[in-house]
Structures are given as C-alpha cells and as structure tokens.
Protein backbone atom coordinates (compact mmCIF):
# COMPACT_ATOMS: atom_id res chain seq x y z
CA MET A 1 -17.82 -26.55 30.68
CA ASN A 2 -16.63 -29.44 32.81
CA ILE A 3 -18.87 -32.13 34.26
CA LYS A 4 -18.97 -30.61 37.77
CA LYS A 5 -20.31 -27.31 36.46
CA ARG A 6 -22.90 -29.09 34.31
CA ILE A 7 -24.15 -31.17 37.22
CA ALA A 8 -24.28 -28.09 39.46
CA LEU A 9 -26.22 -26.17 36.80
CA VAL A 10 -28.76 -28.97 36.40
CA ALA A 11 -29.10 -29.27 40.18
CA ALA A 12 -29.63 -25.50 40.50
CA PHE A 13 -32.45 -25.63 37.95
CA VAL A 14 -34.02 -28.64 39.69
CA PHE A 15 -33.83 -26.90 43.08
CA ALA A 16 -35.36 -23.79 41.49
CA PHE A 17 -38.72 -25.57 41.31
CA ILE A 18 -38.86 -26.70 44.95
CA PRO A 19 -41.58 -24.69 46.72
CA ALA A 20 -40.50 -22.41 49.55
CA PRO A 21 -43.20 -22.95 52.20
CA ASP A 22 -41.90 -20.33 54.61
CA ARG A 23 -42.39 -17.52 52.06
CA SER A 24 -45.56 -18.70 50.30
CA ASP A 25 -49.04 -17.62 51.28
CA GLU A 26 -52.46 -18.09 49.72
CA PHE A 27 -51.91 -15.33 47.16
CA ASN A 28 -48.24 -15.61 46.29
CA ARG A 29 -46.13 -18.70 45.62
CA TYR A 30 -42.34 -18.68 45.81
CA TYR A 31 -40.03 -21.36 44.49
CA GLY A 32 -36.35 -22.05 44.96
CA PHE A 33 -34.07 -23.78 47.44
CA PRO A 34 -31.89 -22.57 49.19
CA ALA A 35 -32.47 -19.15 47.59
CA GLU A 36 -35.72 -17.94 46.06
CA VAL A 37 -35.68 -18.03 42.26
CA PHE A 38 -39.27 -17.77 40.98
CA GLY A 39 -42.37 -16.08 42.34
CA PHE A 40 -45.93 -16.40 41.11
CA HIS A 41 -48.16 -13.58 42.30
CA GLU A 42 -51.92 -13.22 42.67
CA SER A 43 -52.13 -10.80 39.75
CA GLY A 44 -50.62 -13.40 37.42
CA GLN A 45 -47.17 -11.88 37.38
CA LEU A 46 -44.04 -14.00 37.40
CA SER A 47 -40.89 -12.77 39.10
CA PHE A 48 -37.44 -14.17 38.47
CA GLN A 49 -34.45 -13.48 40.72
CA VAL A 50 -31.17 -13.93 38.86
CA TRP A 51 -29.08 -13.63 42.03
CA GLY A 52 -31.04 -16.46 43.63
CA LEU A 53 -30.29 -18.73 40.67
CA LEU A 54 -26.59 -17.79 40.72
CA PHE A 55 -26.43 -18.37 44.48
CA ASN A 56 -28.07 -21.79 44.04
CA PHE A 57 -25.57 -22.65 41.29
CA PHE A 58 -22.58 -21.82 43.48
CA VAL A 59 -24.03 -23.64 46.48
CA CYS A 60 -24.65 -26.75 44.37
CA TYR A 61 -21.17 -26.48 42.84
CA MET A 62 -19.46 -26.18 46.22
CA VAL A 63 -21.47 -29.07 47.70
CA LEU A 64 -20.62 -31.19 44.66
CA ILE A 65 -16.90 -30.44 45.03
CA LEU A 66 -17.08 -31.28 48.74
CA VAL A 67 -18.88 -34.58 48.08
CA MET A 68 -16.38 -35.56 45.38
CA LYS A 69 -13.41 -34.80 47.66
CA LEU A 70 -14.95 -36.75 50.53
CA SER A 71 -15.71 -39.71 48.26
CA ARG A 72 -12.10 -39.74 47.02
CA LEU A 73 -10.84 -39.58 50.61
CA ILE A 74 -13.08 -42.45 51.68
CA ALA A 75 -12.14 -44.50 48.61
CA ASN A 76 -8.42 -43.96 49.27
CA LYS A 77 -8.77 -45.03 52.89
CA ALA A 78 -10.75 -48.12 51.86
CA VAL A 79 -8.00 -49.17 49.42
CA LYS A 80 -5.22 -48.88 52.03
C-alpha cells in the first residue's frame, strides 16, 4: 500500500470519530464525517456502516491527491 492510501486510511478513521450534530439527538449519537460511520443508540447498540467508511476513505484519498497535485503545481511555479 503506498503512502497516499495509508494517509487516506488514517484520515478516514480519524474522521470516523467526528460527531455528526445534524443527525444526533438526545437518545442516539452518530459519528462520521462526511459520511456516517458509527451510531450509538439509546438501547446500548452500536451500528457500523461499512459504506460510510469506504466513502470517507475515497473522499480522503481524492482530496489528498488533489492537494498533492496543487502543491506540486505551486512549487513548480515558484521555482520558475
């Protein structure tokens, strides 16, 4: 696994623990940004959404690729 995929995977797991205030109420708590990954319910149940984690991974990966390309472009223009 290359470094971009590792960074995106770590970022996806970090973003998985950001609370989602628009979906949470006093009985249920949802976590995950931009997609919901975990849910803690009043009855003590834990829900896990695999698709949310995969979506977060791909979003983080694409943002990372975009940032790296922009940084290279800016660095090349600064050198010239």
